[in-house]
Amino acid sequence: MNKPSKRTSQNLNDLELLAASDNRSVQYEDDLLEEVLEELGLLPLPEASEDEPVPLGDRVFLTSAIPLEKNDKIRILKEFIRITKQDVQSFITIVDPSLIIGLRIQSERFYYDLSGQNMLHQIKEEIKNIQTEEVIE
C-alpha cells in the first residue's frame, strides 16, 4: 500500500544485493541526487564539527517496472523529499519487471508501494477474506 512503514537498513542491503544478483538494472544516481538537492536549495551541506556531525541521510531506492526517464526520477525524488522531509544520502534506481506496473520507493524509514504486483496481492487477500467470511456465516 502507499502507507509509510518502518524498514531496517538490513532490508535495504538485502534489496540491493537481491536486485544485483537477479541481473536487474541497478543505477546509482549520485549526479541526479546532487542536481535535485541543489535545485531544492539543500546544497552545499553544512560543515561538520566535532560537536555536531552532519547527518548523512537515508538511502532511497526507487524500483519501477520499466526504466524511467530522468525527469520522472527527478519529479518522484523531489516529491519523496517534500513529503518525508528527510535527508537523502544516496538515490538508487532499480528496474524490476515483476512489479508489473507502477513503482515502489523506500528508505530506512519509509516504504510506499504503488505497484501492480502489490495491487494484485491486495485483491487476492480481499478475496480470501470474503471467502472466509462466507464460510463463517
Foldseek 3Di string as FASTA:
>chain_A
DFFWDADAPVVVVVVVVVLVVVVWDKDWPPVLVVVLCVVVVNPPFDPADPVGGGDQWKEKEKEFLDDDDSVVVSVVVNVVCVVVVTDHNTYMYTHDNVLVGDIWMDINGTTGRPGPNVVVVVVVVVVVVVVVVVVVD
